[in-house]
Each structure stands twice: as C-alpha cells, then as structure tokens.
Amino acid sequence: MTAIVWGTDALESVPTGFLTTDWQPAAAGATFDVFDPSTERPIAAVADCGPADALAALDAAAGAASTWASSTLRERADVLHRLVDGLLANNERLAQLITLEVGKTIREARGEVVYAADYVRWYAEEAVRPHGRSTASPDGRNHIVTVAEPVGPCLLITPWNVPLAMAARKVAPAVAAGCTAVLKPAELTPLTSLVFGELLREAGAPPGVLCVVTTSKPADVSGPLLADPRLRKVSFTGSTAVGRILLEQSGRRVLRTSMELGGNAPFVVFDDADLEVAVREAMIAKMRLGGQSCVAANRFLVADGIADAFVDAFAARMAAVVVGNPADEDTDLGPLVDHRAVEKANRLIDDAVAKGAVVVVRAPIPDGPGHYVAPTVLDQVPADADILREEVFGPVAAIRRFSTEAEAVAAGNDTEHGLAAFVITRDTERARRVSSGLQTGMVGINRGLVSDVAAPFGGVKQSGLGREGGPEGLHEYLQFKYLSSPGFQL
C-alpha cells in the first residue's frame, strides 16, 4: 500500500495501512489526512484505526510474545543492528518525511535520524549485556539469583515533535528486552513511524513483534488496549494532562508504566557566567526543534549583574534567526506543528505583555501560509504571567531577573513540573549546589542540551515516572525474578 501523495518523492512507498503481522487497511476503511505545517496542505492519508483494529494489533503482539521472549539475546541484537543500517541508509528520505509532517528544518531532521539510529545501536549493544545477578545471602546459608525477563506486550505512545527518535527510544529497548509492542504514533505525525515499522520488518523482526496503529481518535484506541489483560506495560510521552488519564486507566490493571510528561525548564544564568557560553547555550536550549521540546528552556532566570548584557546579546541572536520554508538548507526555524500551537504561543506572549513584560525582539515571519510564530524575547516578565506556568512549546523566551542564588533556586522550583533545568556558571561548587537544589530529573551545566542515548531521560514531580535511555531504559521493559536455594546448588 502506498501513500496518497501530492507531488513529493519522499512520500512514495510510505505505508498507509496499519501493521499487525502485515499491512492492512482499517476495518472500517476510514482514513485521515496528514498535513504539511509549512503549507497547511494535506500530504497523505493513512488508516484511521478504531478499537477493533487496536485489538487486532494486540492479538498479533500477544501471539508473538512467547516466541520473541524466548529468542536469544544475539538474535534481538542482530535485528536492531540491521535496523540501524536501514535507518542510516534511508537518512535523507526519513529526514524529508520529518520535515514534511513536523515542520522541522531539514538540517535538524537529518540530525534526528542519526539520533534515532544511535538509540537503536545503544540497545542493540545493551541487549547482550547481563542484567541478572548471582550472590550469596548475607548469612551464607542461601544462594540468591535474579533473572531478568521481558515484561510482556507493551503499548508505546509517541509524540509528534520527535516522531522517529521517540519511536526508537521506546521500541529499541522493548525489542532488546524481548517484548512485543503496539506503537501508536501521534495523529499529527504518523508517516515517519509507519516507515520505521517497515524498516524493522525489513531488519528481520518476526511478524507481531511491532504493530503500528494510526488513528485520529487516540482515546478510542488506547482505552480497549489498557483494559485488555494481555497488555502488561504502557509507555507514553506527551502532556501531563493526558499522562494523568493514562495512569488512572493503567492503575486499574496495575500495568507497568513509563511516563515522560510536560516540562517547564528553567535556564539559570549566574553573574559569573561566560556571556558567550550563556548566549550560545541559551539558543540551543530554546530554539532546538523550534522550542517544541519538553526540555526546551521555558523560563530564563538571569542574575542582575549580567542581565542587561545577556538580554542584549541573546536578543541579537534571536533577531537573526532565519524563519522560512523548513526544506531550505539555510532556514533556522520552520513553522509550529499546527494552528493550536500558534494560538497558544501568541496567547502567552499577549498575556505577558498585557501584564507588563517588555518585548525586546519579535522577529518577522513569512506572510503565510504556514503555522509560523515569531522568535520572541520578553524581558522583565511578571510573576503572574501565564508563560511562567505553562509550557510555551514555541520560539518564545521569557526572562526574569534575580538577586541571590537562593532566589534563583526557589524560582526554578516554582512549578509543578520537574523534567530538566540548565545552569550557567563558572563556579563548580555553585553548579553542584544549585543542581542539587533544583527539583528536576536532569540538569545541564554550561550546556543547553541534556539528551544522550547513554543517559537516563526523565523527570520528577508532574513530569513523569520512569526513565528512557541508558541501561535504565532497558530495565523499564524487564521484570526481575528472584530464585532462592540453599547453599550454592543453582
């Protein structure tokens, strides 16, 4: 099955059905359109799955579960290594798909393909490392053995902003652990995940190991799956509001859960910071993915002694951002994903200004079409501005000033979220103190990018549960069985 396309070579051969043991249309024959956010035009139509389709996918995943769980570690690793080769061989095709459906610049999209391949490679290598242990009990009378076993069939729900890398970050450890999975990509960006599923099939994953279900009605699909006793885990990346609903539904059946939810990252600049480093890393922390990232810097907390210089330099960099067609090589910032994202970003800007914030920069944007928001710097943002409480998910920087270290830490923690934070200082002891005081799962020190395939990614408070990436990411898909015997008989 091939996509309905409008003159774009990158969309040729993209599956439009949903994947169980093979590609097939939705039972009701329904489809929904996928749109290019830079033109607001439809680019493809894919299967609009319902509850029956979701359960058919779980049938396939559950049917393959015991066989895949009994596969050797080397067999799983080999499949993932071949998937790495497939991803890299299709780098340009995948990058163009990401640009088309997300609006991400082509340069960043190419980087996402490599990032996704790095996750798959990491878990191909992690798959063959030992994860159990064997030891004597403290009194020497018993032998303790722990055995790692796959959790079982999983539901993996991915967001629209990093469609390929987030699929890789969930699917790769599940496959490495011996789990089968149903992948439900975001309805705004299903195309990349459909190709990812096909590449995993081509890499030798047996039928049913990964099923891909696309839908415009996510609650109709997730509800029956979460209620089915064959499902044993759900992993979700998305908003805190949706995460709470999924946790409540998962609690009824005591499912294993991994939740990577919303963020409201503080970017803290102390007066001893290297100004060049501070501005460079602020641009990375704010403008990576056009600000459409859960770890994007949302609140800039800047010490009084460096604030004026930082604001001037940062504003100059934001004003120089090239906004335009994301497919152009020289574009720095493409559109946001849809009109709702634009409306939210502009609402937060207008609210802050109405309450007293100073607009330092609001750069020009294309006349249209496309879902564009101006790169914006707001200084002296008041404490009651909505932008300090809500995730802006766009190219808008809100700056507040502080006098003391304690004030900065308190302001950084003044949110229900706790995913990531950034600290810019040349004082090592201060970096340690502040990092310890900030209530977040990750802290970038003198850097605006914290993601790393070998590191545990996740948050505290309302930003979620569990970790993705690193050895910890594999453990999310394993359960440990304890064997006890007298002496050393095992």
Protein backbone atom coordinates (compact mmCIF):
# COMPACT_ATOMS: atom_id res chain seq x y z
CA MET A 1 0.00 0.00 0.00
CA THR A 2 1.36 3.43 -0.84
CA ALA A 3 0.52 6.88 0.40
CA ILE A 4 -1.78 9.30 -1.36
CA VAL A 5 0.77 11.94 -2.30
CA TRP A 6 0.82 15.43 -3.73
CA GLY A 7 3.98 15.56 -5.82
CA THR A 8 6.56 14.71 -3.13
CA ASP A 9 9.04 11.93 -3.81
CA ALA A 10 9.75 11.39 -0.10
CA LEU A 11 6.21 10.08 0.39
CA GLU A 12 6.47 7.34 -2.21
CA SER A 13 6.12 3.84 -0.73
CA VAL A 14 5.04 5.09 2.71
CA PRO A 15 2.57 2.51 4.08
CA THR A 16 -0.91 3.87 4.65
CA GLY A 17 -2.44 0.91 6.44
CA PHE A 18 -1.76 -0.29 9.95
CA LEU A 19 0.70 -3.04 10.83
CA THR A 20 -0.14 -6.26 12.65
CA THR A 21 1.51 -9.32 11.12
CA ASP A 22 1.18 -7.48 7.79
CA TRP A 23 -0.03 -4.14 6.47
CA GLN A 24 -3.79 -3.82 6.16
CA PRO A 25 -6.46 -1.09 5.93
CA ALA A 26 -8.54 -0.09 8.92
CA ALA A 27 -11.52 -2.38 9.40
CA ALA A 28 -13.97 0.41 8.64
CA GLY A 29 -11.93 1.58 5.66
CA ALA A 30 -11.56 5.03 7.22
CA THR A 31 -8.58 7.31 6.67
CA PHE A 32 -7.42 10.69 7.93
CA ASP A 33 -5.23 13.33 6.33
CA VAL A 34 -1.72 14.32 7.37
CA PHE A 35 -0.82 17.98 6.79
CA ASP A 36 2.35 19.89 5.98
CA PRO A 37 2.51 22.67 8.61
CA SER A 38 4.53 24.92 6.30
CA THR A 39 1.81 24.98 3.61
CA GLU A 40 -1.25 23.77 5.57
CA ARG A 41 -1.93 21.35 2.70
CA PRO A 42 -2.64 17.60 3.07
CA ILE A 43 0.27 15.40 2.05
CA ALA A 44 -1.01 11.86 2.74
CA ALA A 45 -3.96 9.85 4.00
CA VAL A 46 -3.42 6.96 6.43
CA ALA A 47 -5.59 4.34 8.11
CA ASP A 48 -7.87 5.74 10.81
CA CYS A 49 -7.95 2.80 13.19
CA GLY A 50 -10.63 2.07 15.75
CA PRO A 51 -10.98 -0.27 18.74
CA ALA A 52 -11.25 -3.42 16.59
CA ASP A 53 -8.03 -2.55 14.78
CA ALA A 54 -6.24 -1.85 18.06
CA LEU A 55 -7.26 -5.22 19.45
CA ALA A 56 -6.19 -6.92 16.20
CA ALA A 57 -2.76 -5.36 16.71
CA LEU A 58 -2.65 -6.61 20.30
CA ASP A 59 -3.70 -10.06 19.06
CA ALA A 60 -0.61 -10.08 16.86
CA ALA A 61 1.68 -8.74 19.59
CA ALA A 62 0.37 -11.21 22.17
CA GLY A 63 0.64 -14.06 19.67
CA ALA A 64 4.30 -13.31 19.04
CA ALA A 65 5.17 -12.59 22.67
CA SER A 66 6.30 -16.03 23.86
CA THR A 67 8.38 -16.76 20.76
CA TRP A 68 10.13 -13.37 20.88
CA ALA A 69 10.68 -13.65 24.65
CA SER A 70 12.48 -16.97 24.08
CA SER A 71 14.70 -15.59 21.29
CA THR A 72 18.38 -15.30 22.06
CA LEU A 73 19.96 -12.02 23.07
CA ARG A 74 22.12 -12.17 19.96
CA GLU A 75 19.07 -12.61 17.69
CA ARG A 76 17.49 -9.47 19.14
CA ALA A 77 20.73 -7.53 18.89
CA ASP A 78 21.23 -8.56 15.26
CA VAL A 79 17.75 -7.33 14.32
CA LEU A 80 18.47 -3.98 15.94
CA HIS A 81 21.88 -3.66 14.27
CA ARG A 82 20.23 -4.24 10.89
CA LEU A 83 17.65 -1.60 11.79
CA VAL A 84 20.49 0.88 12.43
CA ASP A 85 21.77 0.17 8.93
CA GLY A 86 18.30 0.67 7.49
CA LEU A 87 17.78 3.98 9.26
CA LEU A 88 21.10 5.40 8.13
CA ALA A 89 20.63 4.13 4.57
CA ASN A 90 17.29 5.98 4.48
CA ASN A 91 18.54 9.13 6.23
CA GLU A 92 17.51 11.61 3.56
CA ARG A 93 14.13 10.01 2.90
CA LEU A 94 13.31 9.93 6.61
CA ALA A 95 14.57 13.48 7.11
CA GLN A 96 12.31 14.75 4.34
CA LEU A 97 9.34 12.94 5.89
CA ILE A 98 10.06 14.51 9.29
CA THR A 99 10.33 17.94 7.71
CA LEU A 100 7.09 17.44 5.79
CA GLU A 101 4.92 16.31 8.69
CA VAL A 102 6.54 18.14 11.64
CA GLY A 103 7.82 21.33 10.02
CA LYS A 104 11.27 20.75 11.48
CA THR A 105 14.16 22.19 9.45
CA ILE A 106 15.81 19.69 7.14
CA ARG A 107 19.11 20.09 8.98
CA GLU A 108 17.52 19.19 12.32
CA ALA A 109 15.55 16.37 10.71
CA ARG A 110 18.75 14.76 9.44
CA GLY A 111 20.12 15.02 12.95
CA GLU A 112 17.04 13.30 14.32
CA VAL A 113 17.59 10.30 12.04
CA VAL A 114 21.14 9.89 13.35
CA TYR A 115 19.90 10.38 16.93
CA ALA A 116 17.28 7.65 16.42
CA ALA A 117 19.87 5.30 14.95
CA ASP A 118 22.12 5.96 17.95
CA TYR A 119 19.33 4.85 20.30
CA VAL A 120 18.78 1.67 18.33
CA ARG A 121 22.53 0.98 18.27
CA TRP A 122 22.79 1.55 22.03
CA TYR A 123 20.07 -1.01 22.75
CA ALA A 124 21.47 -3.46 20.22
CA GLU A 125 24.62 -3.38 22.32
CA GLU A 126 22.78 -3.27 25.64
CA ALA A 127 20.69 -6.32 24.70
CA VAL A 128 23.59 -8.75 25.10
CA ARG A 129 24.86 -7.38 28.43
CA PRO A 130 23.95 -9.35 31.59
CA HIS A 131 21.08 -7.94 33.66
CA GLY A 132 20.66 -10.52 36.42
CA ARG A 133 22.95 -11.26 39.35
CA SER A 134 24.09 -14.17 41.48
CA THR A 135 25.30 -13.86 45.06
CA ALA A 136 25.29 -15.45 48.50
CA SER A 137 22.88 -14.23 51.16
CA PRO A 138 24.49 -12.25 54.00
CA ASP A 139 24.29 -15.21 56.40
CA GLY A 140 25.83 -17.57 53.81
CA ARG A 141 23.03 -20.12 54.02
CA ASN A 142 21.25 -19.35 50.76
CA HIS A 143 22.12 -18.55 47.18
CA ILE A 144 20.36 -15.57 45.58
CA VAL A 145 19.84 -15.48 41.82
CA THR A 146 17.92 -12.79 39.96
CA VAL A 147 16.74 -13.42 36.42
CA ALA A 148 15.64 -10.67 34.03
CA GLU A 149 12.54 -11.47 31.99
CA PRO A 150 10.58 -9.39 29.45
CA VAL A 151 7.56 -7.57 30.87
CA GLY A 152 5.32 -8.70 28.01
CA PRO A 153 3.23 -6.93 25.35
CA CYS A 154 3.56 -3.13 25.53
CA LEU A 155 1.65 -0.09 24.32
CA LEU A 156 4.04 2.64 23.17
CA ILE A 157 2.54 6.10 22.59
CA THR A 158 4.83 8.63 20.94
CA PRO A 159 4.58 12.43 20.47
CA TRP A 160 4.58 14.46 17.28
CA ASN A 161 7.65 16.64 17.91
CA VAL A 162 10.38 13.97 17.57
CA PRO A 163 8.49 11.18 15.80
CA LEU A 164 11.40 8.99 14.74
CA ALA A 165 13.69 9.32 17.75
CA MET A 166 10.85 8.82 20.23
CA ALA A 167 9.73 5.69 18.42
CA ALA A 168 13.32 4.43 18.50
CA ARG A 169 13.73 5.32 22.19
CA LYS A 170 10.73 3.15 23.10
CA VAL A 171 10.78 0.37 20.51
CA ALA A 172 14.51 -0.41 20.69
CA PRO A 173 14.64 -1.24 24.42
CA ALA A 174 11.35 -3.15 24.19
CA VAL A 175 12.70 -5.29 21.35
CA ALA A 176 16.06 -5.73 23.12
CA ALA A 177 14.29 -6.89 26.29
CA GLY A 178 12.24 -9.48 24.37
CA CYS A 179 8.92 -7.61 24.46
CA THR A 180 6.44 -7.21 21.65
CA ALA A 181 4.70 -3.88 21.21
CA VAL A 182 1.86 -1.86 19.72
CA LEU A 183 3.15 1.55 18.62
CA LYS A 184 0.62 4.38 18.40
CA PRO A 185 2.20 7.49 16.88
CA ALA A 186 0.71 10.96 17.25
CA GLU A 187 -2.06 11.66 14.75
CA LEU A 188 -0.25 14.78 13.52
CA THR A 189 2.90 12.86 12.51
CA PRO A 190 2.23 9.18 11.70
CA LEU A 191 4.25 8.84 8.48
CA THR A 192 7.71 8.52 10.00
CA SER A 193 6.53 5.82 12.40
CA LEU A 194 4.98 3.85 9.56
CA VAL A 195 8.30 3.81 7.73
CA PHE A 196 10.08 2.92 11.00
CA GLY A 197 7.80 -0.11 11.37
CA GLU A 198 8.55 -1.21 7.82
CA LEU A 199 12.30 -0.83 8.37
CA LEU A 200 12.11 -3.00 11.49
CA ARG A 201 10.28 -5.67 9.47
CA GLU A 202 12.97 -5.47 6.81
CA ALA A 203 15.59 -5.84 9.56
CA GLY A 204 14.15 -9.27 10.38
CA ALA A 205 11.76 -8.66 13.27
CA PRO A 206 9.21 -11.51 13.19
CA PRO A 207 5.55 -10.67 12.49
CA GLY A 208 3.81 -9.25 15.54
CA VAL A 209 6.95 -8.02 17.29
CA LEU A 210 5.99 -4.45 16.37
CA CYS A 211 2.49 -3.41 15.34
CA VAL A 212 1.83 0.19 14.26
CA VAL A 213 -1.64 1.64 14.73
CA THR A 214 -2.52 5.10 13.38
CA THR A 215 -5.66 6.89 14.46
CA SER A 216 -7.30 10.30 14.74
CA LYS A 217 -9.15 9.05 17.85
CA PRO A 218 -6.39 8.07 20.28
CA ALA A 219 -8.65 7.55 23.30
CA ASP A 220 -10.77 5.08 21.32
CA VAL A 221 -7.66 3.04 20.61
CA SER A 222 -5.82 3.27 23.93
CA GLY A 223 -8.85 2.56 26.12
CA PRO A 224 -9.52 -1.02 24.91
CA LEU A 225 -5.80 -1.82 24.93
CA LEU A 226 -5.30 -0.63 28.52
CA ALA A 227 -8.32 -2.69 29.60
CA ASP A 228 -7.06 -5.89 27.96
CA PRO A 229 -5.36 -8.34 30.37
CA ARG A 230 -2.78 -9.31 27.76
CA LEU A 231 -1.19 -5.86 27.83
CA ARG A 232 1.49 -5.56 30.52
CA LYS A 233 3.05 -2.13 30.07
CA VAL A 234 2.36 1.33 28.69
CA SER A 235 5.00 3.92 27.82
CA PHE A 236 3.79 7.42 26.99
CA THR A 237 5.48 10.66 26.01
CA GLY A 238 3.21 13.69 25.94
CA SER A 239 1.30 16.14 28.07
CA THR A 240 0.90 15.83 31.82
CA ALA A 241 -2.88 16.06 31.45
CA VAL A 242 -3.06 13.02 29.16
CA GLY A 243 -0.45 11.22 31.27
CA ARG A 244 -2.66 11.51 34.35
CA ILE A 245 -5.57 9.91 32.46
CA LEU A 246 -3.38 7.04 31.24
CA LEU A 247 -2.00 6.49 34.76
CA GLU A 248 -5.51 6.27 36.14
CA GLN A 249 -6.53 3.76 33.48
CA SER A 250 -3.31 1.78 33.94
CA GLY A 251 -3.81 1.65 37.70
CA ARG A 252 -6.98 -0.38 37.31
CA ARG A 253 -4.89 -3.25 36.00
CA VAL A 254 -1.62 -2.41 37.77
CA LEU A 255 0.25 -2.00 34.50
CA ARG A 256 3.93 -1.13 34.40
CA THR A 257 4.13 2.50 33.29
CA SER A 258 6.74 4.86 31.91
CA MET A 259 5.56 8.46 31.64
CA GLU A 260 7.66 11.24 30.11
CA LEU A 261 5.37 14.22 30.58
CA GLY A 262 5.44 18.01 30.35
CA GLY A 263 8.26 20.33 31.32
CA ASN A 264 8.83 23.93 32.31
CA ALA A 265 12.62 24.11 32.27
CA PRO A 266 14.41 26.99 33.98
CA PHE A 267 17.60 28.31 32.35
CA VAL A 268 19.58 29.93 35.17
CA VAL A 269 22.40 32.36 34.32
CA PHE A 270 24.60 33.49 37.21
CA ASP A 271 26.59 36.71 37.11
CA ASP A 272 29.91 34.84 36.94
CA ALA A 273 28.84 33.09 33.71
CA ASP A 274 30.81 33.32 30.49
CA LEU A 275 28.43 35.52 28.47
CA GLU A 276 29.32 33.90 25.14
CA VAL A 277 28.67 30.44 26.57
CA ALA A 278 25.43 31.60 28.18
CA VAL A 279 24.01 33.01 24.94
CA ARG A 280 25.19 30.13 22.78
CA GLU A 281 23.69 27.51 25.07
CA ALA A 282 20.52 29.57 25.58
CA MET A 283 19.93 29.47 21.83
CA ILE A 284 20.34 25.69 21.84
CA ALA A 285 18.11 25.20 24.87
CA LYS A 286 15.40 27.49 23.49
CA MET A 287 15.49 27.04 19.73
CA ARG A 288 16.24 23.35 19.25
CA LEU A 289 13.17 21.92 17.50
CA GLY A 290 11.85 25.48 17.31
CA GLY A 291 11.18 25.39 21.04
CA GLN A 292 8.80 22.45 20.55
CA SER A 293 10.55 20.22 23.06
CA CYS A 294 9.63 19.11 26.57
CA VAL A 295 13.16 20.03 27.70
CA ALA A 296 13.25 23.39 25.94
CA ALA A 297 14.19 26.30 28.20
CA ASN A 298 10.91 27.97 29.12
CA ARG A 299 11.90 30.42 31.86
CA PHE A 300 15.18 32.34 31.71
CA LEU A 301 16.31 33.36 35.20
CA VAL A 302 19.21 35.80 34.90
CA ALA A 303 21.29 37.38 37.66
CA ASP A 304 21.02 41.15 37.96
CA GLY A 305 24.73 41.67 37.35
CA ILE A 306 24.73 40.09 33.90
CA ALA A 307 21.09 40.57 32.90
CA ASP A 308 21.39 43.63 30.64
CA ALA A 309 24.35 42.20 28.71
CA PHE A 310 22.68 38.80 28.39
CA VAL A 311 19.38 40.24 27.18
CA ASP A 312 21.10 42.39 24.55
CA ALA A 313 23.25 39.55 23.21
CA PHE A 314 20.50 36.94 23.33
CA ALA A 315 18.01 39.26 21.64
CA ALA A 316 20.50 39.95 18.84
CA ARG A 317 20.86 36.22 18.21
CA MET A 318 17.10 35.66 18.24
CA ALA A 319 16.54 38.56 15.85
CA ALA A 320 18.98 36.97 13.39
CA VAL A 321 17.10 33.65 13.23
CA VAL A 322 16.10 32.84 9.63
CA VAL A 323 12.42 31.87 9.56
CA GLY A 324 11.02 30.20 6.48
CA ASN A 325 10.50 27.02 4.48
CA PRO A 326 11.90 24.17 6.61
CA ALA A 327 13.05 22.33 3.49
CA ASP A 328 15.50 25.14 2.65
CA GLU A 329 19.06 24.46 3.78
CA ASP A 330 19.55 27.97 5.20
CA THR A 331 16.36 28.03 7.31
CA ASP A 332 16.88 28.13 11.08
CA LEU A 333 13.23 27.95 12.13
CA GLY A 334 10.25 26.41 10.40
CA PRO A 335 6.58 26.50 11.38
CA LEU A 336 4.98 25.17 14.52
CA VAL A 337 3.08 21.95 14.08
CA ASP A 338 -0.49 23.31 13.79
CA HIS A 339 -2.75 26.31 14.38
CA ARG A 340 -3.35 25.36 18.02
CA ALA A 341 0.36 25.65 18.76
CA VAL A 342 0.42 29.10 17.14
CA GLU A 343 -2.62 30.26 19.07
CA LYS A 344 -1.13 29.09 22.38
CA ALA A 345 2.25 30.76 21.81
CA ASN A 346 0.66 34.05 20.77
CA ARG A 347 -1.77 33.92 23.71
CA LEU A 348 1.12 33.52 26.15
CA ILE A 349 3.01 36.40 24.55
CA ASP A 350 -0.02 38.68 24.66
CA ASP A 351 -0.79 37.77 28.28
CA ALA A 352 2.78 38.50 29.40
CA VAL A 353 2.84 41.86 27.59
CA ALA A 354 -0.54 42.84 29.00
CA LYS A 355 0.82 42.18 32.48
CA GLY A 356 3.94 44.29 31.98
CA ALA A 357 6.56 42.24 30.12
CA VAL A 358 8.84 44.16 27.74
CA VAL A 359 9.08 42.94 24.15
CA VAL A 360 12.78 43.06 23.27
CA VAL A 361 12.52 41.13 20.00
CA ARG A 362 9.60 39.88 17.92
CA ALA A 363 11.21 38.94 14.63
CA PRO A 364 9.35 38.99 11.28
CA ILE A 365 7.77 35.81 9.92
CA PRO A 366 6.50 34.76 6.48
CA ASP A 367 3.14 36.19 5.48
CA GLY A 368 1.72 32.71 5.00
CA PRO A 369 0.54 30.12 4.54
CA GLY A 370 2.05 28.07 7.37
CA HIS A 371 1.87 27.91 11.15
CA TYR A 372 4.63 30.40 11.98
CA VAL A 373 5.41 32.16 15.27
CA ALA A 374 7.97 34.93 15.54
CA PRO A 375 11.17 34.32 17.53
CA THR A 376 10.39 36.43 20.59
CA VAL A 377 12.28 37.65 23.65
CA LEU A 378 10.30 39.03 26.59
CA ASP A 379 12.18 40.74 29.43
CA GLN A 380 11.03 41.56 32.95
CA VAL A 381 8.20 39.04 32.74
CA PRO A 382 5.95 39.47 35.81
CA ALA A 383 5.45 36.65 38.27
CA ASP A 384 1.76 36.26 37.39
CA ALA A 385 2.30 35.80 33.65
CA ASP A 386 0.85 32.55 32.28
CA ILE A 387 4.04 31.84 30.34
CA LEU A 388 5.86 31.12 33.61
CA ARG A 389 3.35 28.35 34.43
CA GLU A 390 2.59 26.86 31.00
CA GLU A 391 4.87 25.08 28.56
CA VAL A 392 5.09 27.51 25.64
CA PHE A 393 6.31 24.93 23.08
CA GLY A 394 7.47 27.61 20.67
CA PRO A 395 10.31 30.09 19.95
CA VAL A 396 9.44 32.42 22.84
CA ALA A 397 11.87 33.23 25.67
CA ALA A 398 10.57 34.68 28.95
CA ILE A 399 13.22 36.42 31.08
CA ARG A 400 13.09 37.21 34.79
CA ARG A 401 15.88 38.61 36.92
CA PHE A 402 17.13 37.52 40.34
CA SER A 403 19.48 38.77 43.04
CA THR A 404 20.57 35.73 45.06
CA GLU A 405 21.30 32.07 44.49
CA ALA A 406 18.52 31.06 46.87
CA GLU A 407 16.08 33.22 44.92
CA ALA A 408 17.12 31.56 41.66
CA VAL A 409 16.64 28.04 43.05
CA ALA A 410 13.25 28.93 44.51
CA ALA A 411 12.12 30.44 41.22
CA GLY A 412 13.41 27.41 39.31
CA ASN A 413 11.37 25.09 41.53
CA ASP A 414 8.22 27.23 41.37
CA THR A 415 6.40 24.88 39.01
CA GLU A 416 4.54 21.57 39.17
CA HIS A 417 6.96 20.20 36.59
CA GLY A 418 10.46 18.85 37.08
CA LEU A 419 11.88 17.50 33.86
CA ALA A 420 15.05 19.47 33.05
CA ALA A 421 16.95 22.57 34.14
CA PHE A 422 20.01 24.42 32.87
CA VAL A 423 22.65 26.19 34.97
CA ILE A 424 25.30 28.54 33.55
CA THR A 425 28.14 29.37 35.95
CA ARG A 426 31.94 29.16 36.14
CA ASP A 427 31.78 28.26 39.86
CA THR A 428 31.95 24.47 40.22
CA GLU A 429 30.71 24.42 43.80
CA ARG A 430 27.78 26.66 42.87
CA ALA A 431 26.93 24.35 39.98
CA ARG A 432 26.81 21.42 42.39
CA ARG A 433 24.75 23.26 45.00
CA VAL A 434 22.23 24.59 42.53
CA SER A 435 21.92 21.28 40.66
CA SER A 436 21.26 19.56 43.98
CA GLY A 437 18.66 22.14 44.94
CA LEU A 438 16.73 22.07 41.66
CA GLN A 439 13.85 19.59 41.68
CA THR A 440 14.35 18.12 38.21
CA GLY A 441 15.32 14.79 36.72
CA MET A 442 18.09 16.29 34.56
CA VAL A 443 20.39 19.31 34.79
CA GLY A 444 22.55 20.71 32.00
CA ILE A 445 25.58 22.56 33.41
CA ASN A 446 27.03 25.07 30.96
CA ARG A 447 25.22 23.32 28.14
CA GLY A 448 21.77 23.68 26.63
CA LEU A 449 21.31 20.08 25.52
CA VAL A 450 20.96 17.21 28.00
CA SER A 451 19.76 14.33 25.81
CA ASP A 452 22.17 11.42 25.42
CA VAL A 453 21.40 7.85 24.40
CA ALA A 454 23.56 6.52 27.25
CA ALA A 455 21.86 8.64 29.94
CA PRO A 456 18.54 8.19 31.76
CA PHE A 457 15.99 10.70 30.42
CA GLY A 458 13.04 11.55 32.64
CA GLY A 459 11.63 13.82 35.30
CA VAL A 460 10.18 14.19 38.77
CA LYS A 461 7.00 15.75 40.19
CA GLN A 462 4.39 16.17 37.42
CA SER A 463 6.95 15.49 34.69
CA GLY A 464 6.59 11.76 34.87
CA LEU A 465 7.74 8.35 36.03
CA GLY A 466 10.49 6.05 34.81
CA ARG A 467 13.45 6.70 32.55
CA GLU A 468 14.30 6.28 28.86
CA GLY A 469 17.83 5.92 27.54
CA GLY A 470 20.86 4.35 29.18
CA PRO A 471 20.79 0.97 30.93
CA GLU A 472 17.83 2.27 32.93
CA GLY A 473 15.76 2.46 29.76
CA LEU A 474 16.10 -1.28 29.18
CA HIS A 475 15.12 -2.07 32.77
CA GLU A 476 11.76 -0.40 32.13
CA TYR A 477 10.92 -3.39 29.91
CA LEU A 478 12.31 -6.09 32.22
CA GLN A 479 10.94 -7.67 35.37
CA PHE A 480 13.25 -9.43 37.80
CA LYS A 481 12.53 -12.86 39.24
CA TYR A 482 14.31 -13.92 42.43
CA LEU A 483 15.39 -17.57 42.80
CA SER A 484 16.46 -18.85 46.22
CA SER A 485 18.19 -22.10 47.05
CA PRO A 486 20.23 -23.47 49.98
CA GLY A 487 23.98 -23.21 49.60
CA PHE A 488 25.27 -22.92 46.02
CA GLN A 489 23.11 -25.51 44.28
CA LEU A 490 22.00 -23.25 41.40
